[in-house]
Amino acid sequence: MAGSEEKRIIARGLNPPGPLLLVKKRIAEFSGGHLRVIVSSEDAADELVEYFLDMGAQVEIDNAGEDIHVVVDLTKSGEDE
């Protein structure tokens, strides 16, 4: 998922559904491109992965210390719709 500027949402320390609600609030700012959401728990990461996969986006998980990074390619989301 390299090659374009990556936007970030830092949702570290928020329990589910906090990170998902934050992403839903700010997703309009990220029409296309790459997005990295930084969370503190596997539950929050799993919830985000499910949300982005339902959108048709490509999703990767990157563990960085105690943080979990949900890396999303929004350039291809919704192509099959």
Protein backbone atom coordinates (compact mmCIF):
# COMPACT_ATOMS: atom_id res chain seq x y z
CA MET A 1 0.00 0.00 0.00
CA ALA A 2 2.79 2.38 -0.80
CA GLY A 3 2.95 5.14 -3.35
CA SER A 4 0.54 7.78 -2.10
CA GLU A 5 0.25 10.08 0.89
CA GLU A 6 -1.19 8.37 3.92
CA LYS A 7 -3.68 10.07 6.25
CA ARG A 8 -3.84 9.07 9.91
CA ILE A 9 -6.48 8.81 12.59
CA ILE A 10 -5.10 8.23 16.05
CA ALA A 11 -7.68 6.39 18.14
CA ARG A 12 -5.22 5.00 20.67
CA GLY A 13 -6.74 4.48 24.11
CA LEU A 14 -10.34 4.38 22.90
CA ASN A 15 -12.37 1.26 23.60
CA PRO A 16 -14.74 -0.12 20.96
CA PRO A 17 -16.85 1.31 19.43
CA GLY A 18 -14.90 4.55 19.93
CA PRO A 19 -12.37 4.07 17.10
CA LEU A 20 -15.09 3.02 14.65
CA LEU A 21 -17.26 6.02 15.54
CA LEU A 22 -14.26 8.33 15.09
CA VAL A 23 -13.49 6.80 11.69
CA LYS A 24 -17.11 7.10 10.56
CA LYS A 25 -17.11 10.76 11.60
CA ARG A 26 -13.92 11.55 9.68
CA ILE A 27 -14.14 9.17 6.69
CA ALA A 28 -15.42 11.92 4.37
CA GLU A 29 -12.02 13.63 4.70
CA PHE A 30 -10.37 10.55 3.20
CA SER A 31 -12.17 10.00 -0.08
CA GLY A 32 -9.67 7.76 -1.81
CA GLY A 33 -6.06 7.29 -0.85
CA HIS A 34 -4.55 5.49 2.09
CA LEU A 35 -5.60 5.70 5.69
CA ARG A 36 -3.86 4.46 8.84
CA VAL A 37 -5.93 4.11 12.01
CA ILE A 38 -3.90 3.58 15.17
CA VAL A 39 -5.69 1.70 17.95
CA SER A 40 -4.76 0.05 21.24
CA SER A 41 -6.81 -3.14 21.22
CA GLU A 42 -7.38 -6.12 18.99
CA ASP A 43 -11.14 -5.73 19.43
CA ALA A 44 -11.00 -2.20 18.03
CA ALA A 45 -8.78 -3.35 15.14
CA ASP A 46 -11.11 -6.26 14.33
CA GLU A 47 -14.13 -3.94 14.29
CA LEU A 48 -12.34 -1.54 11.90
CA VAL A 49 -11.17 -4.35 9.62
CA GLU A 50 -14.75 -5.63 9.32
CA TYR A 51 -16.03 -2.12 8.56
CA PHE A 52 -13.45 -1.46 5.84
CA LEU A 53 -13.83 -4.90 4.26
CA ASP A 54 -17.59 -4.30 4.07
CA MET A 55 -16.74 -1.10 2.15
CA GLY A 56 -14.70 -3.18 -0.30
CA ALA A 57 -11.38 -1.64 0.76
CA GLN A 58 -8.06 -3.45 1.04
CA VAL A 59 -6.95 -3.73 4.67
CA GLU A 60 -3.69 -4.71 6.37
CA ILE A 61 -2.80 -4.97 10.05
CA ASP A 62 0.57 -3.70 11.24
CA ASN A 63 1.64 -4.23 14.86
CA ALA A 64 3.91 -1.50 16.19
CA GLY A 65 4.86 -2.04 19.80
CA GLU A 66 1.68 -1.96 21.85
CA ASP A 67 -0.26 -0.24 19.07
CA ILE A 68 -2.14 -1.85 16.22
CA HIS A 69 -2.21 -0.01 12.92
CA VAL A 70 -5.12 -0.69 10.58
CA VAL A 71 -3.83 0.33 7.16
CA VAL A 72 -6.51 0.85 4.52
CA ASP A 73 -6.38 1.42 0.77
CA LEU A 74 -9.52 3.42 -0.01
CA THR A 75 -8.65 3.90 -3.68
CA LYS A 76 -10.42 0.70 -4.64
CA SER A 77 -13.32 0.71 -2.21
CA GLY A 78 -16.74 0.32 -3.73
CA GLU A 79 -15.49 -0.79 -7.18
CA ASP A 80 -17.72 -3.87 -7.19
CA GLU A 81 -20.87 -1.96 -6.28
